Amino acid sequence: MRVFADAAGLSNDKIAELQVAVLSACNLCFMTHHDNTSRCRVDFHRLDDRIEVELSVPGEKAPEEMPATKWTGVDEVKCENREDSGVLRLTKFVSTIA
């Protein structure tokens, strides 16, 4: 996370906030994962205008309502179902890559 955020030009304070948000989201997802035969998945994506972190929890459905959690350092949080996994996506919008 630090490498993506640093490359995007975020300040050290913003990077630290983003790192805490990602760790908190990981903890939330890992706590809801009850299937010992499959692993949670964390994917990082650096796009022109944003950094996305997707946490997939196999065998679990995304909650009907968003968690009542507000993570400083993250601009958008979305939950969705994809294939057989619940997916939590954190988005941090950044300046466009030159």
PDB file of N, CA and C in Angstrom:
ATOM      1  N   MET A   1       0.823  -1.178   0.000  1.00  0.00           N
ATOM      2  CA  MET A   1       0.000   0.000   0.000  1.00  0.00           C
ATOM      3  C   MET A   1       0.866   1.240   0.000  1.00  0.00           C
ATOM      4  N   ARG A   2       1.902   1.191   0.788  1.00  0.00           N
ATOM      5  CA  ARG A   2       2.790   2.364   0.885  1.00  0.00           C
ATOM      6  C   ARG A   2       3.401   2.700  -0.472  1.00  0.00           C
ATOM      7  N   VAL A   3       3.821   1.699  -1.216  1.00  0.00           N
ATOM      8  CA  VAL A   3       4.464   1.929  -2.514  1.00  0.00           C
ATOM      9  C   VAL A   3       3.496   2.624  -3.470  1.00  0.00           C
ATOM     10  N   PHE A   4       2.255   2.142  -3.562  1.00  0.00           N
ATOM     11  CA  PHE A   4       1.267   2.762  -4.441  1.00  0.00           C
ATOM     12  C   PHE A   4       0.977   4.199  -4.011  1.00  0.00           C
ATOM     13  N   ALA A   5       0.758   4.389  -2.719  1.00  0.00           N
ATOM     14  CA  ALA A   5       0.410   5.712  -2.210  1.00  0.00           C
ATOM     15  C   ALA A   5       1.570   6.693  -2.363  1.00  0.00           C
ATOM     16  N   ASP A   6       2.770   6.225  -2.122  1.00  0.00           N
ATOM     17  CA  ASP A   6       3.951   7.073  -2.278  1.00  0.00           C
ATOM     18  C   ASP A   6       4.125   7.468  -3.745  1.00  0.00           C
ATOM     19  N   ALA A   7       3.961   6.513  -4.646  1.00  0.00           N
ATOM     20  CA  ALA A   7       4.083   6.784  -6.081  1.00  0.00           C
ATOM     21  C   ALA A   7       2.991   7.742  -6.563  1.00  0.00           C
ATOM     22  N   ALA A   8       1.850   7.757  -5.887  1.00  0.00           N
ATOM     23  CA  ALA A   8       0.751   8.652  -6.254  1.00  0.00           C
ATOM     24  C   ALA A   8       0.964  10.062  -5.713  1.00  0.00           C
ATOM     25  N   GLY A   9       2.017  10.236  -4.910  1.00  0.00           N
ATOM     26  CA  GLY A   9       2.339  11.562  -4.389  1.00  0.00           C
ATOM     27  C   GLY A   9       1.612  11.950  -3.125  1.00  0.00           C
ATOM     28  N   LEU A  10       1.046  10.978  -2.410  1.00  0.00           N
ATOM     29  CA  LEU A  10       0.356  11.295  -1.158  1.00  0.00           C
ATOM     30  C   LEU A  10       1.358  11.652  -0.073  1.00  0.00           C
ATOM     31  N   SER A  11       0.938  12.523   0.828  1.00  0.00           N
ATOM     32  CA  SER A  11       1.798  12.909   1.953  1.00  0.00           C
ATOM     33  C   SER A  11       1.929  11.736   2.923  1.00  0.00           C
ATOM     34  N   ASN A  12       2.934  11.807   3.795  1.00  0.00           N
ATOM     35  CA  ASN A  12       3.132  10.733   4.771  1.00  0.00           C
ATOM     36  C   ASN A  12       1.920  10.552   5.674  1.00  0.00           C
ATOM     37  N   ASP A  13       1.264  11.657   6.048  1.00  0.00           N
ATOM     38  CA  ASP A  13       0.065  11.557   6.890  1.00  0.00           C
ATOM     39  C   ASP A  13      -1.061  10.827   6.167  1.00  0.00           C
ATOM     40  N   LYS A  14      -1.276  11.165   4.899  1.00  0.00           N
ATOM     41  CA  LYS A  14      -2.331  10.512   4.111  1.00  0.00           C
ATOM     42  C   LYS A  14      -2.006   9.036   3.872  1.00  0.00           C
ATOM     43  N   ILE A  15      -0.733   8.742   3.660  1.00  0.00           N
ATOM     44  CA  ILE A  15      -0.318   7.345   3.477  1.00  0.00           C
ATOM     45  C   ILE A  15      -0.593   6.549   4.743  1.00  0.00           C
ATOM     46  N   ALA A  16      -0.255   7.112   5.888  1.00  0.00           N
ATOM     47  CA  ALA A  16      -0.483   6.420   7.165  1.00  0.00           C
ATOM     48  C   ALA A  16      -1.972   6.171   7.384  1.00  0.00           C
ATOM     49  N   GLU A  17      -2.818   7.163   7.073  1.00  0.00           N
ATOM     50  CA  GLU A  17      -4.268   6.989   7.215  1.00  0.00           C
ATOM     51  C   GLU A  17      -4.772   5.868   6.307  1.00  0.00           C
ATOM     52  N   LEU A  18      -4.283   5.848   5.079  1.00  0.00           N
ATOM     53  CA  LEU A  18      -4.696   4.816   4.130  1.00  0.00           C
ATOM     54  C   LEU A  18      -4.253   3.435   4.595  1.00  0.00           C
ATOM     55  N   GLN A  19      -3.043   3.338   5.111  1.00  0.00           N
ATOM     56  CA  GLN A  19      -2.555   2.051   5.608  1.00  0.00           C
ATOM     57  C   GLN A  19      -3.412   1.550   6.771  1.00  0.00           C
ATOM     58  N   VAL A  20      -3.767   2.429   7.685  1.00  0.00           N
ATOM     59  CA  VAL A  20      -4.617   2.043   8.821  1.00  0.00           C
ATOM     60  C   VAL A  20      -5.983   1.584   8.323  1.00  0.00           C
ATOM     61  N   ALA A  21      -6.538   2.291   7.344  1.00  0.00           N
ATOM     62  CA  ALA A  21      -7.846   1.911   6.791  1.00  0.00           C
ATOM     63  C   ALA A  21      -7.797   0.526   6.156  1.00  0.00           C
ATOM     64  N   VAL A  22      -6.747   0.258   5.396  1.00  0.00           N
ATOM     65  CA  VAL A  22      -6.627  -1.050   4.738  1.00  0.00           C
ATOM     66  C   VAL A  22      -6.475  -2.157   5.774  1.00  0.00           C
ATOM     67  N   LEU A  23      -5.664  -1.946   6.786  1.00  0.00           N
ATOM     68  CA  LEU A  23      -5.505  -2.959   7.833  1.00  0.00           C
ATOM     69  C   LEU A  23      -6.821  -3.195   8.582  1.00  0.00           C
ATOM     70  N   SER A  24      -7.550  -2.129   8.859  1.00  0.00           N
ATOM     71  CA  SER A  24      -8.843  -2.267   9.543  1.00  0.00           C
ATOM     72  C   SER A  24      -9.839  -3.038   8.680  1.00  0.00           C
ATOM     73  N   ALA A  25      -9.852  -2.748   7.379  1.00  0.00           N
ATOM     74  CA  ALA A  25     -10.747  -3.474   6.470  1.00  0.00           C
ATOM     75  C   ALA A  25     -10.365  -4.944   6.399  1.00  0.00           C
ATOM     76  N   CYS A  26      -9.075  -5.226   6.356  1.00  0.00           N
ATOM     77  CA  CYS A  26      -8.615  -6.622   6.354  1.00  0.00           C
ATOM     78  C   CYS A  26      -9.083  -7.335   7.613  1.00  0.00           C
ATOM     79  N   ASN A  27      -8.924  -6.707   8.762  1.00  0.00           N
ATOM     80  CA  ASN A  27      -9.374  -7.311  10.017  1.00  0.00           C
ATOM     81  C   ASN A  27     -10.872  -7.587   9.988  1.00  0.00           C
ATOM     82  N   LEU A  28     -11.652  -6.642   9.470  1.00  0.00           N
ATOM     83  CA  LEU A  28     -13.098  -6.835   9.380  1.00  0.00           C
ATOM     84  C   LEU A  28     -13.424  -8.042   8.505  1.00  0.00           C
ATOM     85  N   CYS A  29     -12.780  -8.133   7.358  1.00  0.00           N
ATOM     86  CA  CYS A  29     -13.058  -9.251   6.443  1.00  0.00           C
ATOM     87  C   CYS A  29     -12.603 -10.582   7.026  1.00  0.00           C
ATOM     88  N   PHE A  30     -11.434 -10.595   7.626  1.00  0.00           N
ATOM     89  CA  PHE A  30     -10.928 -11.842   8.187  1.00  0.00           C
ATOM     90  C   PHE A  30     -11.812 -12.330   9.337  1.00  0.00           C
ATOM     91  N   MET A  31     -12.422 -11.396  10.079  1.00  0.00           N
ATOM     92  CA  MET A  31     -13.301 -11.780  11.189  1.00  0.00           C
ATOM     93  C   MET A  31     -14.603 -12.402  10.687  1.00  0.00           C
ATOM     94  N   THR A  32     -15.020 -12.065   9.456  1.00  0.00           N
ATOM     95  CA  THR A  32     -16.264 -12.619   8.928  1.00  0.00           C
ATOM     96  C   THR A  32     -16.044 -13.916   8.158  1.00  0.00           C
ATOM     97  N   HIS A  33     -14.799 -14.278   7.939  1.00  0.00           N
ATOM     98  CA  HIS A  33     -14.472 -15.466   7.145  1.00  0.00           C
ATOM     99  C   HIS A  33     -14.488 -16.700   8.041  1.00  0.00           C
ATOM    100  N   HIS A  34     -15.385 -17.648   7.718  1.00  0.00           N
ATOM    101  CA  HIS A  34     -15.546 -18.830   8.566  1.00  0.00           C
ATOM    102  C   HIS A  34     -15.172 -20.131   7.872  1.00  0.00           C
ATOM    103  N   ASP A  35     -14.744 -20.065   6.646  1.00  0.00           N
ATOM    104  CA  ASP A  35     -14.414 -21.254   5.859  1.00  0.00           C
ATOM    105  C   ASP A  35     -12.899 -21.484   5.908  1.00  0.00           C
ATOM    106  N   ASN A  36     -12.486 -22.520   6.592  1.00  0.00           N
ATOM    107  CA  ASN A  36     -11.052 -22.789   6.738  1.00  0.00           C
ATOM    108  C   ASN A  36     -10.422 -23.427   5.503  1.00  0.00           C
ATOM    109  N   THR A  37     -11.220 -23.755   4.498  1.00  0.00           N
ATOM    110  CA  THR A  37     -10.669 -24.422   3.318  1.00  0.00           C
ATOM    111  C   THR A  37     -10.294 -23.441   2.208  1.00  0.00           C
ATOM    112  N   SER A  38     -10.723 -22.196   2.313  1.00  0.00           N
ATOM    113  CA  SER A  38     -10.376 -21.197   1.294  1.00  0.00           C
ATOM    114  C   SER A  38      -9.808 -19.961   1.975  1.00  0.00           C
ATOM    115  N   ARG A  39      -9.059 -19.200   1.198  1.00  0.00           N
ATOM    116  CA  ARG A  39      -8.381 -18.036   1.754  1.00  0.00           C
ATOM    117  C   ARG A  39      -9.024 -16.741   1.293  1.00  0.00           C
ATOM    118  N   CYS A  40      -8.955 -15.751   2.168  1.00  0.00           N
ATOM    119  CA  CYS A  40      -9.355 -14.411   1.768  1.00  0.00           C
ATOM    120  C   CYS A  40      -8.333 -13.908   0.758  1.00  0.00           C
ATOM    121  N   ARG A  41      -8.767 -12.982  -0.064  1.00  0.00           N
ATOM    122  CA  ARG A  41      -7.876 -12.454  -1.096  1.00  0.00           C
ATOM    123  C   ARG A  41      -7.854 -10.932  -0.997  1.00  0.00           C
ATOM    124  N   VAL A  42      -6.671 -10.356  -1.116  1.00  0.00           N
ATOM    125  CA  VAL A  42      -6.502  -8.902  -1.106  1.00  0.00           C
ATOM    126  C   VAL A  42      -5.804  -8.521  -2.401  1.00  0.00           C
ATOM    127  N   ASP A  43      -6.445  -7.660  -3.183  1.00  0.00           N
ATOM    128  CA  ASP A  43      -5.876  -7.194  -4.447  1.00  0.00           C
ATOM    129  C   ASP A  43      -5.719  -5.683  -4.403  1.00  0.00           C
ATOM    130  N   PHE A  44      -4.573  -5.202  -4.872  1.00  0.00           N
ATOM    131  CA  PHE A  44      -4.286  -3.777  -4.956  1.00  0.00           C
ATOM    132  C   PHE A  44      -4.263  -3.384  -6.429  1.00  0.00           C
ATOM    133  N   HIS A  45      -4.905  -2.261  -6.744  1.00  0.00           N
ATOM    134  CA  HIS A  45      -4.939  -1.775  -8.123  1.00  0.00           C
ATOM    135  C   HIS A  45      -4.561  -0.302  -8.123  1.00  0.00           C
ATOM    136  N   ARG A  46      -3.601   0.065  -8.977  1.00  0.00           N
ATOM    137  CA  ARG A  46      -3.244   1.477  -9.157  1.00  0.00           C
ATOM    138  C   ARG A  46      -3.718   1.876 -10.539  1.00  0.00           C
ATOM    139  N   LEU A  47      -4.729   2.723 -10.581  1.00  0.00           N
ATOM    140  CA  LEU A  47      -5.282   3.224 -11.826  1.00  0.00           C
ATOM    141  C   LEU A  47      -4.868   4.685 -11.980  1.00  0.00           C
ATOM    142  N   ASP A  48      -5.159   5.279 -13.116  1.00  0.00           N
ATOM    143  CA  ASP A  48      -4.725   6.657 -13.367  1.00  0.00           C
ATOM    144  C   ASP A  48      -5.175   7.637 -12.291  1.00  0.00           C
ATOM    145  N   ASP A  49      -6.409   7.486 -11.824  1.00  0.00           N
ATOM    146  CA  ASP A  49      -6.966   8.476 -10.903  1.00  0.00           C
ATOM    147  C   ASP A  49      -7.272   7.954  -9.503  1.00  0.00           C
ATOM    148  N   ARG A  50      -6.877   6.717  -9.228  1.00  0.00           N
ATOM    149  CA  ARG A  50      -7.231   6.161  -7.918  1.00  0.00           C
ATOM    150  C   ARG A  50      -6.386   4.931  -7.571  1.00  0.00           C
ATOM    151  N   ILE A  51      -6.432   4.607  -6.286  1.00  0.00           N
ATOM    152  CA  ILE A  51      -5.879   3.358  -5.767  1.00  0.00           C
ATOM    153  C   ILE A  51      -7.066   2.582  -5.220  1.00  0.00           C
ATOM    154  N   GLU A  52      -7.191   1.324  -5.604  1.00  0.00           N
ATOM    155  CA  GLU A  52      -8.271   0.484  -5.099  1.00  0.00           C
ATOM    156  C   GLU A  52      -7.690  -0.721  -4.382  1.00  0.00           C
ATOM    157  N   VAL A  53      -8.332  -1.065  -3.285  1.00  0.00           N
ATOM    158  CA  VAL A  53      -7.994  -2.278  -2.546  1.00  0.00           C
ATOM    159  C   VAL A  53      -9.268  -3.097  -2.486  1.00  0.00           C
ATOM    160  N   GLU A  54      -9.228  -4.322  -3.008  1.00  0.00           N
ATOM    161  CA  GLU A  54     -10.379  -5.216  -2.974  1.00  0.00           C
ATOM    162  C   GLU A  54     -10.075  -6.386  -2.058  1.00  0.00           C
ATOM    163  N   LEU A  55     -10.964  -6.588  -1.100  1.00  0.00           N
ATOM    164  CA  LEU A  55     -10.859  -7.701  -0.170  1.00  0.00           C
ATOM    165  C   LEU A  55     -11.993  -8.661  -0.475  1.00  0.00           C
ATOM    166  N   SER A  56     -11.662  -9.881  -0.858  1.00  0.00           N
ATOM    167  CA  SER A  56     -12.654 -10.897  -1.211  1.00  0.00           C
ATOM    168  C   SER A  56     -12.702 -11.949  -0.121  1.00  0.00           C
ATOM    169  N   VAL A  57     -13.914 -12.244   0.326  1.00  0.00           N
ATOM    170  CA  VAL A  57     -14.125 -13.255   1.358  1.00  0.00           C
ATOM    171  C   VAL A  57     -14.917 -14.396   0.731  1.00  0.00           C
ATOM    172  N   PRO A  58     -14.248 -15.513   0.400  1.00  0.00           N
ATOM    173  CA  PRO A  58     -14.942 -16.623  -0.258  1.00  0.00           C
ATOM    174  C   PRO A  58     -16.003 -17.251   0.636  1.00  0.00           C
ATOM    175  N   GLY A  59     -17.109 -17.622  -0.008  1.00  0.00           N
ATOM    176  CA  GLY A  59     -18.172 -18.308   0.716  1.00  0.00           C
ATOM    177  C   GLY A  59     -19.038 -17.402   1.564  1.00  0.00           C
ATOM    178  N   GLU A  60     -18.791 -16.115   1.544  1.00  0.00           N
ATOM    179  CA  GLU A  60     -19.581 -15.162   2.331  1.00  0.00           C
ATOM    180  C   GLU A  60     -20.244 -14.176   1.386  1.00  0.00           C
ATOM    181  N   LYS A  61     -21.436 -13.759   1.716  1.00  0.00           N
ATOM    182  CA  LYS A  61     -22.122 -12.737   0.936  1.00  0.00           C
ATOM    183  C   LYS A  61     -21.771 -11.365   1.509  1.00  0.00           C
ATOM    184  N   ALA A  62     -21.733 -10.385   0.628  1.00  0.00           N
ATOM    185  CA  ALA A  62     -21.529  -9.011   1.085  1.00  0.00           C
ATOM    186  C   ALA A  62     -22.728  -8.603   1.945  1.00  0.00           C
ATOM    187  N   PRO A  63     -22.518  -7.775   2.950  1.00  0.00           N
ATOM    188  CA  PRO A  63     -23.647  -7.357   3.786  1.00  0.00           C
ATOM    189  C   PRO A  63     -24.663  -6.567   2.974  1.00  0.00           C
ATOM    190  N   GLU A  64     -25.926  -6.681   3.350  1.00  0.00           N
ATOM    191  CA  GLU A  64     -26.994  -5.944   2.672  1.00  0.00           C
ATOM    192  C   GLU A  64     -26.782  -4.438   2.809  1.00  0.00           C
ATOM    193  N   GLU A  65     -26.314  -4.032   3.979  1.00  0.00           N
ATOM    194  CA  GLU A  65     -26.042  -2.622   4.234  1.00  0.00           C
ATOM    195  C   GLU A  65     -24.554  -2.462   4.505  1.00  0.00           C
ATOM    196  N   MET A  66     -24.048  -1.311   4.146  1.00  0.00           N
ATOM    197  CA  MET A  66     -22.628  -1.039   4.367  1.00  0.00           C
ATOM    198  C   MET A  66     -22.316  -1.105   5.860  1.00  0.00           C
ATOM    199  N   PRO A  67     -21.123  -1.589   6.207  1.00  0.00           N
ATOM    200  CA  PRO A  67     -20.729  -1.549   7.611  1.00  0.00           C
ATOM    201  C   PRO A  67     -20.737  -0.101   8.111  1.00  0.00           C
ATOM    202  N   ALA A  68     -21.091   0.083   9.349  1.00  0.00           N
ATOM    203  CA  ALA A  68     -21.151   1.427   9.930  1.00  0.00           C
ATOM    204  C   ALA A  68     -19.754   1.908  10.292  1.00  0.00           C
ATOM    205  N   THR A  69     -18.817   1.662   9.427  1.00  0.00           N
ATOM    206  CA  THR A  69     -17.428   2.006   9.673  1.00  0.00           C
ATOM    207  C   THR A  69     -17.022   3.116   8.727  1.00  0.00           C
ATOM    208  N   LYS A  70     -16.373   4.128   9.253  1.00  0.00           N
ATOM    209  CA  LYS A  70     -15.823   5.207   8.428  1.00  0.00           C
ATOM    210  C   LYS A  70     -14.313   5.162   8.599  1.00  0.00           C
ATOM    211  N   TRP A  71     -13.634   4.934   7.494  1.00  0.00           N
ATOM    212  CA  TRP A  71     -12.184   4.865   7.542  1.00  0.00           C
ATOM    213  C   TRP A  71     -11.584   6.148   6.993  1.00  0.00           C
ATOM    214  N   THR A  72     -10.874   6.868   7.851  1.00  0.00           N
ATOM    215  CA  THR A  72     -10.157   8.059   7.427  1.00  0.00           C
ATOM    216  C   THR A  72      -9.095   7.634   6.421  1.00  0.00           C
ATOM    217  N   GLY A  73      -8.927   8.421   5.381  1.00  0.00           N
ATOM    218  CA  GLY A  73      -7.927   8.095   4.373  1.00  0.00           C
ATOM    219  C   GLY A  73      -8.484   7.383   3.164  1.00  0.00           C
ATOM    220  N   VAL A  74      -9.770   7.005   3.233  1.00  0.00           N
ATOM    221  CA  VAL A  74     -10.427   6.327   2.117  1.00  0.00           C
ATOM    222  C   VAL A  74     -11.569   7.222   1.638  1.00  0.00           C
ATOM    223  N   ASP A  75     -11.688   7.384   0.328  1.00  0.00           N
ATOM    224  CA  ASP A  75     -12.724   8.259  -0.221  1.00  0.00           C
ATOM    225  C   ASP A  75     -14.035   7.537  -0.519  1.00  0.00           C
ATOM    226  N   GLU A  76     -13.974   6.236  -0.764  1.00  0.00           N
ATOM    227  CA  GLU A  76     -15.180   5.491  -1.134  1.00  0.00           C
ATOM    228  C   GLU A  76     -15.054   4.048  -0.656  1.00  0.00           C
ATOM    229  N   VAL A  77     -16.160   3.513  -0.147  1.00  0.00           N
ATOM    230  CA  VAL A  77     -16.219   2.118   0.293  1.00  0.00           C
ATOM    231  C   VAL A  77     -17.452   1.498  -0.349  1.00  0.00           C
ATOM    232  N   LYS A  78     -17.261   0.346  -0.994  1.00  0.00           N
ATOM    233  CA  LYS A  78     -18.384  -0.359  -1.622  1.00  0.00           C
ATOM    234  C   LYS A  78     -18.304  -1.843  -1.300  1.00  0.00           C
ATOM    235  N   CYS A  79     -19.475  -2.451  -1.148  1.00  0.00           N
ATOM    236  CA  CYS A  79     -19.581  -3.898  -0.964  1.00  0.00           C
ATOM    237  C   CYS A  79     -20.361  -4.465  -2.133  1.00  0.00           C
ATOM    238  N   GLU A  80     -19.962  -5.632  -2.600  1.00  0.00           N
ATOM    239  CA  GLU A  80     -20.691  -6.297  -3.677  1.00  0.00           C
ATOM    240  C   GLU A  80     -20.449  -7.793  -3.592  1.00  0.00           C
ATOM    241  N   ASN A  81     -21.302  -8.545  -4.278  1.00  0.00           N
ATOM    242  CA  ASN A  81     -21.113  -9.987  -4.402  1.00  0.00           C
ATOM    243  C   ASN A  81     -20.515 -10.264  -5.771  1.00  0.00           C
ATOM    244  N   ARG A  82     -19.511 -11.112  -5.796  1.00  0.00           N
ATOM    245  CA  ARG A  82     -18.880 -11.494  -7.053  1.00  0.00           C
ATOM    246  C   ARG A  82     -18.579 -12.979  -6.988  1.00  0.00           C
ATOM    247  N   GLU A  83     -19.174 -13.719  -7.937  1.00  0.00           N
ATOM    248  CA  GLU A  83     -19.056 -15.174  -7.971  1.00  0.00           C
ATOM    249  C   GLU A  83     -19.473 -15.718  -6.615  1.00  0.00           C
ATOM    250  N   ASP A  84     -18.594 -16.395  -5.892  1.00  0.00           N
ATOM    251  CA  ASP A  84     -18.988 -16.966  -4.598  1.00  0.00           C
ATOM    252  C   ASP A  84     -18.382 -16.198  -3.427  1.00  0.00           C
ATOM    253  N   SER A  85     -18.052 -14.926  -3.637  1.00  0.00           N
ATOM    254  CA  SER A  85     -17.382 -14.142  -2.602  1.00  0.00           C
ATOM    255  C   SER A  85     -18.071 -12.805  -2.356  1.00  0.00           C
ATOM    256  N   GLY A  86     -17.976 -12.366  -1.114  1.00  0.00           N
ATOM    257  CA  GLY A  86     -18.324 -10.998  -0.786  1.00  0.00           C
ATOM    258  C   GLY A  86     -17.075 -10.158  -0.991  1.00  0.00           C
ATOM    259  N   VAL A  87     -17.221  -8.987  -1.603  1.00  0.00           N
ATOM    260  CA  VAL A  87     -16.072  -8.138  -1.913  1.00  0.00           C
ATOM    261  C   VAL A  87     -16.270  -6.768  -1.278  1.00  0.00           C
ATOM    262  N   LEU A  88     -15.256  -6.324  -0.569  1.00  0.00           N
ATOM    263  CA  LEU A  88     -15.215  -4.985   0.006  1.00  0.00           C
ATOM    264  C   LEU A  88     -14.144  -4.215  -0.756  1.00  0.00           C
ATOM    265  N   ARG A  89     -14.533  -3.077  -1.352  1.00  0.00           N
ATOM    266  CA  ARG A  89     -13.577  -2.297  -2.139  1.00  0.00           C
ATOM    267  C   ARG A  89     -13.397  -0.924  -1.513  1.00  0.00           C
ATOM    268  N   LEU A  90     -12.149  -0.584  -1.215  1.00  0.00           N
ATOM    269  CA  LEU A  90     -11.780   0.734  -0.706  1.00  0.00           C
ATOM    270  C   LEU A  90     -11.139   1.505  -1.850  1.00  0.00           C
ATOM    271  N   THR A  91     -11.528   2.759  -2.016  1.00  0.00           N
ATOM    272  CA  THR A  91     -10.969   3.577  -3.092  1.00  0.00           C
ATOM    273  C   THR A  91     -10.418   4.866  -2.510  1.00  0.00           C
ATOM    274  N   LYS A  92      -9.205   5.212  -2.930  1.00  0.00           N
ATOM    275  CA  LYS A  92      -8.576   6.486  -2.613  1.00  0.00           C
ATOM    276  C   LYS A  92      -8.320   7.190  -3.938  1.00  0.00           C
ATOM    277  N   PHE A  93      -8.970   8.329  -4.162  1.00  0.00           N
ATOM    278  CA  PHE A  93      -8.767   9.083  -5.394  1.00  0.00           C
ATOM    279  C   PHE A  93      -7.494   9.909  -5.279  1.00  0.00           C
ATOM    280  N   VAL A  94      -6.733   9.925  -6.359  1.00  0.00           N
ATOM    281  CA  VAL A  94      -5.441  10.620  -6.377  1.00  0.00           C
ATOM    282  C   VAL A  94      -5.333  11.443  -7.666  1.00  0.00           C
ATOM    283  N   SER A  95      -4.306  12.247  -7.740  1.00  0.00           N
ATOM    284  CA  SER A  95      -4.053  13.022  -8.961  1.00  0.00           C
ATOM    285  C   SER A  95      -3.753  12.079 -10.107  1.00  0.00           C
ATOM    286  N   THR A  96      -4.144  12.482 -11.289  1.00  0.00           N
ATOM    287  CA  THR A  96      -3.917  11.681 -12.488  1.00  0.00           C
ATOM    288  C   THR A  96      -2.415  11.546 -12.759  1.00  0.00           C
ATOM    289  N   ILE A  97      -2.011  10.358 -13.171  1.00  0.00           N
ATOM    290  CA  ILE A  97      -0.612  10.099 -13.513  1.00  0.00           C
ATOM    291  C   ILE A  97      -0.246  10.924 -14.720  1.00  0.00           C
ATOM    292  N   ALA A  98       0.898  11.590 -14.657  1.00  0.00           N
ATOM    293  CA  ALA A  98       1.357  12.409 -15.796  1.00  0.00           C
ATOM    294  C   ALA A  98       1.933  11.558 -16.887  1.00  0.00           C
TER     295      ALA A  98
END
